Amino acid sequence: RDVEAIKKAADTLGVGDLYGLFACMVTARSWSTIQKGIDVSSKDKSESDEIKQNAARYMKEITDVLAFVNRQMILIFKTNDLLRNIESSLGTSGSMASFIQMSKTCISVLQDRKVQETKGRLARFFVRMQTRWEMLKISIYQLYLSLYWSRFGIILQLR
């Protein structure tokens, strides 16, 4: 829903004006659904058909996005796609468990790298504390998702 945040993330990754396509590639959702909010509606057959048609139509632009983004990010895209397909096959696509675990793993790897590059105990301590803070935020979000999809989500009118 936050188009400005999408633009900012796309600029950071070097995608620029192709931010809409970038968002569609990452989420595997249509641009209209992204603008409404991907949590508002589930993906249906007509949206899947629209994505398939647009993927063929925008193949050159998709290639451009992949050319602009660094290789590590492409690996994350592919992992994201594989996890989405596995969750869809298992019928657990609403749980987000694999994405949360992937996020935690990415944060841990980044922490290890930052700790190796950092000199001084105090600086390493702050890197570890920052990582713990990020992990806490993910855990809080995970708790929120659990509540959201439970009966309490209906009672508390979260959805």
N, C-alpha and C. Protein backbone atom coordinates (compact mmCIF):
# COMPACT_ATOMS: atom_id res chain seq x y z
N ARG A 1 0.80 -1.19 0.00
CA ARG A 1 0.00 0.00 0.00
C ARG A 1 0.85 1.26 0.00
N ASP A 2 1.98 1.21 0.64
CA ASP A 2 2.82 2.38 0.78
C ASP A 2 3.73 2.51 -0.45
N VAL A 3 3.22 3.17 -1.47
CA VAL A 3 3.93 3.28 -2.74
C VAL A 3 5.25 4.02 -2.56
N GLU A 4 5.27 5.03 -1.70
CA GLU A 4 6.51 5.78 -1.47
C GLU A 4 7.59 4.89 -0.87
N ALA A 5 7.21 4.01 0.06
CA ALA A 5 8.19 3.08 0.64
C ALA A 5 8.68 2.09 -0.41
N ILE A 6 7.78 1.67 -1.30
CA ILE A 6 8.16 0.77 -2.38
C ILE A 6 9.16 1.47 -3.30
N LYS A 7 8.88 2.73 -3.65
CA LYS A 7 9.80 3.50 -4.50
C LYS A 7 11.16 3.63 -3.83
N LYS A 8 11.16 3.92 -2.54
CA LYS A 8 12.42 4.10 -1.81
C LYS A 8 13.23 2.80 -1.80
N ALA A 9 12.57 1.68 -1.53
CA ALA A 9 13.26 0.38 -1.53
C ALA A 9 13.80 0.07 -2.92
N ALA A 10 13.00 0.35 -3.94
CA ALA A 10 13.43 0.09 -5.32
C ALA A 10 14.63 0.96 -5.68
N ASP A 11 14.62 2.22 -5.25
CA ASP A 11 15.76 3.11 -5.51
C ASP A 11 17.01 2.60 -4.81
N THR A 12 16.86 2.13 -3.59
CA THR A 12 17.99 1.60 -2.84
C THR A 12 18.63 0.42 -3.56
N LEU A 13 17.80 -0.39 -4.20
CA LEU A 13 18.29 -1.56 -4.92
C LEU A 13 18.70 -1.23 -6.35
N GLY A 14 18.50 0.01 -6.78
CA GLY A 14 18.91 0.41 -8.12
C GLY A 14 17.88 0.15 -9.20
N VAL A 15 16.65 -0.14 -8.81
CA VAL A 15 15.61 -0.46 -9.78
C VAL A 15 14.97 0.80 -10.35
N GLY A 16 14.88 1.86 -9.56
CA GLY A 16 14.38 3.14 -10.02
C GLY A 16 12.92 3.14 -10.43
N ASP A 17 12.64 3.56 -11.67
CA ASP A 17 11.27 3.72 -12.14
C ASP A 17 10.53 2.40 -12.32
N LEU A 18 11.21 1.30 -12.25
CA LEU A 18 10.56 0.00 -12.39
C LEU A 18 10.09 -0.54 -11.03
N TYR A 19 9.84 0.36 -10.09
CA TYR A 19 9.46 -0.03 -8.72
C TYR A 19 8.18 -0.87 -8.68
N GLY A 20 7.22 -0.56 -9.54
CA GLY A 20 5.96 -1.32 -9.55
C GLY A 20 6.19 -2.76 -9.98
N LEU A 21 6.95 -2.92 -11.04
CA LEU A 21 7.28 -4.26 -11.51
C LEU A 21 8.10 -5.01 -10.47
N PHE A 22 9.04 -4.31 -9.86
CA PHE A 22 9.85 -4.89 -8.79
C PHE A 22 8.97 -5.42 -7.66
N ALA A 23 8.00 -4.61 -7.23
CA ALA A 23 7.10 -5.03 -6.15
C ALA A 23 6.28 -6.25 -6.57
N CYS A 24 5.84 -6.26 -7.81
CA CYS A 24 5.07 -7.41 -8.32
C CYS A 24 5.93 -8.68 -8.34
N MET A 25 7.20 -8.52 -8.72
CA MET A 25 8.10 -9.68 -8.77
C MET A 25 8.35 -10.24 -7.37
N VAL A 26 8.54 -9.36 -6.39
CA VAL A 26 8.85 -9.80 -5.04
C VAL A 26 7.65 -10.47 -4.39
N THR A 27 6.47 -9.91 -4.61
CA THR A 27 5.27 -10.43 -3.93
C THR A 27 4.50 -11.47 -4.74
N ALA A 28 4.78 -11.54 -6.04
CA ALA A 28 4.01 -12.40 -6.95
C ALA A 28 2.53 -12.04 -6.91
N ARG A 29 2.27 -10.73 -6.82
CA ARG A 29 0.90 -10.22 -6.83
C ARG A 29 0.80 -9.13 -7.88
N SER A 30 -0.41 -8.80 -8.29
CA SER A 30 -0.60 -7.76 -9.30
C SER A 30 -0.41 -6.38 -8.66
N TRP A 31 -0.11 -5.38 -9.49
CA TRP A 31 0.12 -4.03 -8.98
C TRP A 31 -1.15 -3.48 -8.32
N SER A 32 -2.31 -3.75 -8.90
CA SER A 32 -3.56 -3.25 -8.30
C SER A 32 -3.77 -3.85 -6.91
N THR A 33 -3.44 -5.12 -6.73
CA THR A 33 -3.56 -5.75 -5.43
C THR A 33 -2.56 -5.17 -4.44
N ILE A 34 -1.36 -4.90 -4.90
CA ILE A 34 -0.34 -4.31 -4.03
C ILE A 34 -0.80 -2.94 -3.55
N GLN A 35 -1.38 -2.16 -4.44
CA GLN A 35 -1.85 -0.83 -4.07
C GLN A 35 -3.00 -0.89 -3.06
N LYS A 36 -3.86 -1.90 -3.17
CA LYS A 36 -4.95 -2.07 -2.21
C LYS A 36 -4.43 -2.63 -0.89
N GLY A 37 -3.37 -3.44 -0.98
CA GLY A 37 -2.83 -4.11 0.19
C GLY A 37 -2.92 -5.61 -0.01
N ILE A 38 -1.79 -6.30 -0.01
CA ILE A 38 -1.80 -7.74 -0.30
C ILE A 38 -2.44 -8.53 0.83
N ASP A 39 -2.59 -7.92 2.00
CA ASP A 39 -3.23 -8.61 3.11
C ASP A 39 -4.75 -8.49 3.05
N VAL A 40 -5.27 -7.65 2.16
CA VAL A 40 -6.71 -7.42 2.07
C VAL A 40 -7.42 -8.55 1.35
N SER A 41 -6.80 -9.09 0.31
CA SER A 41 -7.44 -10.16 -0.45
C SER A 41 -6.44 -11.26 -0.77
N SER A 42 -6.98 -12.46 -0.89
CA SER A 42 -6.11 -13.57 -1.25
C SER A 42 -6.02 -13.65 -2.77
N LYS A 43 -4.99 -14.32 -3.22
CA LYS A 43 -4.74 -14.43 -4.65
C LYS A 43 -5.74 -15.41 -5.26
N ASP A 44 -6.39 -14.98 -6.34
CA ASP A 44 -7.34 -15.85 -7.02
C ASP A 44 -6.86 -16.17 -8.43
N LYS A 45 -7.64 -16.97 -9.13
CA LYS A 45 -7.23 -17.42 -10.47
C LYS A 45 -7.11 -16.26 -11.45
N SER A 46 -8.00 -15.29 -11.38
CA SER A 46 -7.93 -14.17 -12.33
C SER A 46 -6.66 -13.35 -12.10
N GLU A 47 -6.26 -13.19 -10.84
CA GLU A 47 -5.02 -12.47 -10.58
C GLU A 47 -3.82 -13.27 -11.08
N SER A 48 -3.84 -14.58 -10.87
CA SER A 48 -2.75 -15.43 -11.38
C SER A 48 -2.66 -15.35 -12.89
N ASP A 49 -3.82 -15.37 -13.57
CA ASP A 49 -3.83 -15.26 -15.04
C ASP A 49 -3.28 -13.91 -15.49
N GLU A 50 -3.66 -12.83 -14.77
CA GLU A 50 -3.16 -11.50 -15.10
C GLU A 50 -1.63 -11.44 -14.96
N ILE A 51 -1.12 -12.05 -13.91
CA ILE A 51 0.34 -12.06 -13.67
C ILE A 51 1.04 -12.81 -14.79
N LYS A 52 0.48 -13.95 -15.20
CA LYS A 52 1.09 -14.74 -16.28
C LYS A 52 1.12 -13.95 -17.58
N GLN A 53 0.02 -13.27 -17.90
CA GLN A 53 -0.03 -12.48 -19.13
C GLN A 53 0.97 -11.33 -19.08
N ASN A 54 1.03 -10.65 -17.94
CA ASN A 54 1.94 -9.51 -17.81
C ASN A 54 3.40 -9.94 -17.77
N ALA A 55 3.68 -11.12 -17.25
CA ALA A 55 5.06 -11.61 -17.22
C ALA A 55 5.59 -11.75 -18.64
N ALA A 56 4.77 -12.27 -19.53
CA ALA A 56 5.19 -12.40 -20.93
C ALA A 56 5.32 -11.02 -21.58
N ARG A 57 4.40 -10.13 -21.28
CA ARG A 57 4.39 -8.80 -21.88
C ARG A 57 5.59 -7.95 -21.42
N TYR A 58 5.99 -8.10 -20.18
CA TYR A 58 7.04 -7.26 -19.61
C TYR A 58 8.37 -7.99 -19.43
N MET A 59 8.64 -8.96 -20.27
CA MET A 59 9.86 -9.76 -20.13
C MET A 59 11.12 -8.90 -20.20
N LYS A 60 11.17 -7.94 -21.10
CA LYS A 60 12.35 -7.08 -21.20
C LYS A 60 12.55 -6.29 -19.92
N GLU A 61 11.47 -5.71 -19.38
CA GLU A 61 11.56 -4.93 -18.14
C GLU A 61 11.95 -5.82 -16.95
N ILE A 62 11.43 -7.05 -16.92
CA ILE A 62 11.80 -7.99 -15.86
C ILE A 62 13.30 -8.27 -15.93
N THR A 63 13.80 -8.45 -17.14
CA THR A 63 15.24 -8.66 -17.33
C THR A 63 16.03 -7.45 -16.86
N ASP A 64 15.52 -6.25 -17.13
CA ASP A 64 16.19 -5.03 -16.66
C ASP A 64 16.24 -4.97 -15.14
N VAL A 65 15.13 -5.30 -14.49
CA VAL A 65 15.11 -5.30 -13.02
C VAL A 65 16.17 -6.26 -12.49
N LEU A 66 16.22 -7.44 -13.05
CA LEU A 66 17.20 -8.43 -12.60
C LEU A 66 18.63 -7.97 -12.87
N ALA A 67 18.82 -7.20 -13.93
CA ALA A 67 20.16 -6.69 -14.23
C ALA A 67 20.59 -5.61 -13.24
N PHE A 68 19.64 -4.82 -12.75
CA PHE A 68 19.96 -3.73 -11.83
C PHE A 68 20.25 -4.23 -10.42
N VAL A 69 19.60 -5.30 -10.01
CA VAL A 69 19.69 -5.78 -8.63
C VAL A 69 20.93 -6.65 -8.45
N ASN A 70 21.58 -6.53 -7.29
CA ASN A 70 22.79 -7.33 -7.07
C ASN A 70 22.47 -8.82 -6.94
N ARG A 71 23.46 -9.64 -7.11
CA ARG A 71 23.29 -11.09 -7.16
C ARG A 71 22.73 -11.69 -5.86
N GLN A 72 23.12 -11.13 -4.73
CA GLN A 72 22.62 -11.65 -3.45
C GLN A 72 21.11 -11.44 -3.35
N MET A 73 20.64 -10.30 -3.86
CA MET A 73 19.21 -10.02 -3.81
C MET A 73 18.45 -10.96 -4.75
N ILE A 74 19.04 -11.27 -5.87
CA ILE A 74 18.39 -12.22 -6.79
C ILE A 74 18.27 -13.59 -6.12
N LEU A 75 19.29 -13.99 -5.37
CA LEU A 75 19.22 -15.25 -4.63
C LEU A 75 18.06 -15.21 -3.63
N ILE A 76 17.89 -14.08 -2.97
CA ILE A 76 16.77 -13.95 -2.02
C ILE A 76 15.44 -14.00 -2.76
N PHE A 77 15.35 -13.36 -3.94
CA PHE A 77 14.13 -13.44 -4.74
C PHE A 77 13.79 -14.90 -5.07
N LYS A 78 14.80 -15.63 -5.51
CA LYS A 78 14.57 -17.02 -5.89
C LYS A 78 14.17 -17.86 -4.68
N THR A 79 14.83 -17.64 -3.56
CA THR A 79 14.46 -18.36 -2.34
C THR A 79 13.03 -18.02 -1.93
N ASN A 80 12.68 -16.74 -2.04
CA ASN A 80 11.34 -16.28 -1.74
C ASN A 80 10.32 -17.00 -2.63
N ASP A 81 10.62 -17.09 -3.91
CA ASP A 81 9.74 -17.76 -4.86
C ASP A 81 9.59 -19.24 -4.53
N LEU A 82 10.70 -19.89 -4.23
CA LEU A 82 10.64 -21.31 -3.89
C LEU A 82 9.84 -21.55 -2.62
N LEU A 83 10.06 -20.72 -1.61
CA LEU A 83 9.30 -20.87 -0.36
C LEU A 83 7.81 -20.65 -0.59
N ARG A 84 7.48 -19.66 -1.42
CA ARG A 84 6.07 -19.40 -1.73
C ARG A 84 5.45 -20.61 -2.41
N ASN A 85 6.17 -21.23 -3.35
CA ASN A 85 5.66 -22.42 -4.04
C ASN A 85 5.53 -23.61 -3.11
N ILE A 86 6.49 -23.80 -2.22
CA ILE A 86 6.40 -24.90 -1.24
C ILE A 86 5.21 -24.69 -0.33
N GLU A 87 5.04 -23.47 0.19
CA GLU A 87 3.91 -23.21 1.07
C GLU A 87 2.59 -23.39 0.34
N SER A 88 2.54 -23.00 -0.92
CA SER A 88 1.31 -23.18 -1.70
C SER A 88 1.02 -24.67 -1.88
N SER A 89 2.05 -25.45 -2.18
CA SER A 89 1.86 -26.90 -2.37
C SER A 89 1.41 -27.59 -1.08
N LEU A 90 1.94 -27.11 0.05
CA LEU A 90 1.58 -27.71 1.33
C LEU A 90 0.29 -27.14 1.91
N GLY A 91 -0.23 -26.09 1.29
CA GLY A 91 -1.46 -25.48 1.78
C GLY A 91 -1.25 -24.63 3.02
N THR A 92 -0.05 -24.13 3.22
CA THR A 92 0.24 -23.31 4.41
C THR A 92 0.62 -21.89 4.03
N SER A 93 0.13 -21.41 2.89
CA SER A 93 0.59 -20.12 2.37
C SER A 93 0.21 -18.93 3.23
N GLY A 94 -0.73 -19.07 4.16
CA GLY A 94 -1.08 -17.95 5.02
C GLY A 94 -0.20 -17.82 6.25
N SER A 95 0.60 -18.83 6.54
CA SER A 95 1.32 -18.83 7.83
C SER A 95 2.54 -17.93 7.85
N MET A 96 3.19 -17.73 6.73
CA MET A 96 4.39 -16.90 6.64
C MET A 96 5.57 -17.45 7.43
N ALA A 97 5.48 -18.67 7.92
CA ALA A 97 6.53 -19.24 8.77
C ALA A 97 7.87 -19.32 8.05
N SER A 98 7.87 -19.74 6.81
CA SER A 98 9.14 -19.87 6.09
C SER A 98 9.76 -18.51 5.82
N PHE A 99 8.94 -17.50 5.55
CA PHE A 99 9.47 -16.17 5.30
C PHE A 99 10.05 -15.56 6.57
N ILE A 100 9.40 -15.84 7.67
CA ILE A 100 9.91 -15.34 8.95
C ILE A 100 11.24 -16.02 9.25
N GLN A 101 11.32 -17.31 9.03
CA GLN A 101 12.58 -18.02 9.28
C GLN A 101 13.68 -17.53 8.34
N MET A 102 13.33 -17.29 7.08
CA MET A 102 14.32 -16.78 6.13
C MET A 102 14.81 -15.40 6.57
N SER A 103 13.90 -14.56 7.05
CA SER A 103 14.28 -13.23 7.52
C SER A 103 15.24 -13.33 8.70
N LYS A 104 14.94 -14.22 9.63
CA LYS A 104 15.82 -14.40 10.79
C LYS A 104 17.20 -14.90 10.35
N THR A 105 17.22 -15.80 9.41
CA THR A 105 18.50 -16.33 8.91
C THR A 105 19.30 -15.23 8.22
N CYS A 106 18.65 -14.42 7.41
CA CYS A 106 19.35 -13.32 6.73
C CYS A 106 19.93 -12.34 7.75
N ILE A 107 19.17 -12.03 8.78
CA ILE A 107 19.65 -11.11 9.81
C ILE A 107 20.85 -11.71 10.54
N SER A 108 20.80 -13.00 10.83
CA SER A 108 21.93 -13.65 11.50
C SER A 108 23.19 -13.63 10.64
N VAL A 109 23.03 -13.90 9.37
CA VAL A 109 24.18 -13.88 8.46
C VAL A 109 24.76 -12.48 8.37
N LEU A 110 23.89 -11.48 8.28
CA LEU A 110 24.37 -10.10 8.24
C LEU A 110 25.10 -9.72 9.52
N GLN A 111 24.59 -10.20 10.65
CA GLN A 111 25.26 -9.93 11.92
C GLN A 111 26.65 -10.54 11.93
N ASP A 112 26.75 -11.80 11.52
CA ASP A 112 28.06 -12.46 11.49
C ASP A 112 29.05 -11.68 10.64
N ARG A 113 28.58 -11.20 9.50
CA ARG A 113 29.46 -10.44 8.60
C ARG A 113 29.88 -9.11 9.24
N LYS A 114 28.91 -8.42 9.84
CA LYS A 114 29.23 -7.14 10.48
C LYS A 114 30.19 -7.33 11.65
N VAL A 115 30.01 -8.40 12.42
CA VAL A 115 30.89 -8.66 13.56
C VAL A 115 32.32 -8.93 13.06
N GLN A 116 32.45 -9.68 11.97
CA GLN A 116 33.78 -9.94 11.40
C GLN A 116 34.45 -8.67 10.92
N GLU A 117 33.66 -7.74 10.37
CA GLU A 117 34.22 -6.51 9.82
C GLU A 117 34.44 -5.43 10.87
N THR A 118 33.86 -5.61 12.05
CA THR A 118 33.92 -4.59 13.09
C THR A 118 35.10 -4.83 14.01
N LYS A 119 35.77 -3.75 14.32
CA LYS A 119 36.89 -3.82 15.25
C LYS A 119 36.46 -3.20 16.57
N GLY A 120 36.80 -3.85 17.63
CA GLY A 120 36.47 -3.33 18.96
C GLY A 120 35.30 -4.06 19.57
N ARG A 121 35.43 -4.33 20.84
CA ARG A 121 34.38 -5.08 21.55
C ARG A 121 33.08 -4.30 21.63
N LEU A 122 33.18 -3.02 21.92
CA LEU A 122 31.97 -2.21 22.07
C LEU A 122 31.19 -2.15 20.75
N ALA A 123 31.87 -1.99 19.65
CA ALA A 123 31.20 -1.95 18.35
C ALA A 123 30.54 -3.29 18.04
N ARG A 124 31.22 -4.40 18.35
CA ARG A 124 30.63 -5.72 18.14
C ARG A 124 29.41 -5.92 19.04
N PHE A 125 29.50 -5.40 20.27
CA PHE A 125 28.38 -5.49 21.20
C PHE A 125 27.16 -4.78 20.61
N PHE A 126 27.36 -3.59 20.05
CA PHE A 126 26.25 -2.84 19.46
C PHE A 126 25.68 -3.55 18.24
N VAL A 127 26.53 -4.18 17.47
CA VAL A 127 26.03 -4.96 16.32
C VAL A 127 25.15 -6.10 16.82
N ARG A 128 25.59 -6.78 17.85
CA ARG A 128 24.79 -7.90 18.39
C ARG A 128 23.48 -7.41 19.00
N MET A 129 23.52 -6.26 19.67
CA MET A 129 22.30 -5.70 20.25
C MET A 129 21.31 -5.28 19.16
N GLN A 130 21.83 -4.70 18.10
CA GLN A 130 20.98 -4.31 16.98
C GLN A 130 20.32 -5.55 16.37
N THR A 131 21.08 -6.62 16.26
CA THR A 131 20.54 -7.87 15.72
C THR A 131 19.45 -8.41 16.62
N ARG A 132 19.68 -8.38 17.92
CA ARG A 132 18.65 -8.86 18.85
C ARG A 132 17.38 -8.02 18.76
N TRP A 133 17.55 -6.72 18.57
CA TRP A 133 16.40 -5.84 18.40
C TRP A 133 15.62 -6.21 17.13
N GLU A 134 16.32 -6.46 16.04
CA GLU A 134 15.66 -6.86 14.79
C GLU A 134 14.94 -8.19 14.96
N MET A 135 15.56 -9.13 15.65
CA MET A 135 14.94 -10.43 15.90
C MET A 135 13.69 -10.28 16.77
N LEU A 136 13.75 -9.38 17.74
CA LEU A 136 12.59 -9.13 18.59
C LEU A 136 11.44 -8.56 17.76
N LYS A 137 11.73 -7.65 16.86
CA LYS A 137 10.69 -7.09 16.01
C LYS A 137 10.04 -8.18 15.15
N ILE A 138 10.85 -9.08 14.63
CA ILE A 138 10.30 -10.18 13.83
C ILE A 138 9.43 -11.09 14.70
N SER A 139 9.88 -11.36 15.92
CA SER A 139 9.10 -12.21 16.83
C SER A 139 7.78 -11.56 17.20
N ILE A 140 7.80 -10.25 17.40
CA ILE A 140 6.54 -9.53 17.71
C ILE A 140 5.61 -9.61 16.50
N TYR A 141 6.15 -9.46 15.30
CA TYR A 141 5.33 -9.57 14.10
C TYR A 141 4.77 -10.99 13.97
N GLN A 142 5.58 -11.97 14.30
CA GLN A 142 5.13 -13.36 14.25
C GLN A 142 3.97 -13.58 15.23
N LEU A 143 4.08 -13.01 16.41
CA LEU A 143 3.00 -13.09 17.40
C LEU A 143 1.74 -12.41 16.86
N TYR A 144 1.93 -11.24 16.25
CA TYR A 144 0.80 -10.53 15.66
C TYR A 144 0.10 -11.41 14.60
N LEU A 145 0.90 -12.04 13.73
CA LEU A 145 0.30 -12.90 12.70
C LEU A 145 -0.46 -14.06 13.33
N SER A 146 0.08 -14.62 14.40
CA SER A 146 -0.61 -15.72 15.09
C SER A 146 -1.96 -15.25 15.62
N LEU A 147 -1.97 -14.07 16.22
CA LEU A 147 -3.22 -13.52 16.73
C LEU A 147 -4.17 -13.18 15.59
N TYR A 148 -3.62 -12.60 14.53
CA TYR A 148 -4.43 -12.19 13.39
C TYR A 148 -5.19 -13.36 12.78
N TRP A 149 -4.51 -14.49 12.61
CA TRP A 149 -5.13 -15.63 11.96
C TRP A 149 -5.88 -16.55 12.93
N SER A 150 -5.83 -16.26 14.22
CA SER A 150 -6.54 -17.08 15.19
C SER A 150 -7.96 -16.54 15.41
N ARG A 151 -8.68 -17.19 16.29
CA ARG A 151 -10.03 -16.71 16.63
C ARG A 151 -9.97 -15.35 17.31
N PHE A 152 -8.86 -15.10 18.00
CA PHE A 152 -8.71 -13.80 18.66
C PHE A 152 -8.65 -12.67 17.63
N GLY A 153 -8.16 -12.96 16.45
CA GLY A 153 -8.12 -11.95 15.40
C GLY A 153 -9.50 -11.49 15.01
N ILE A 154 -10.43 -12.43 15.01
CA ILE A 154 -11.82 -12.07 14.69
C ILE A 154 -12.45 -11.33 15.87
N ILE A 155 -12.21 -11.84 17.09
CA ILE A 155 -12.78 -11.22 18.28
C ILE A 155 -12.23 -9.80 18.47
N LEU A 156 -10.91 -9.64 18.28
CA LEU A 156 -10.29 -8.33 18.45
C LEU A 156 -10.46 -7.43 17.23
N GLN A 157 -11.15 -7.95 16.22
CA GLN A 157 -11.40 -7.25 14.96
C GLN A 157 -10.11 -6.78 14.29
N LEU A 158 -9.10 -7.66 14.30
CA LEU A 158 -7.85 -7.37 13.61
C LEU A 158 -8.02 -7.57 12.11
N ARG A 159 -8.97 -8.41 11.74
CA ARG A 159 -9.21 -8.62 10.31
C ARG A 159 -10.66 -8.49 9.98
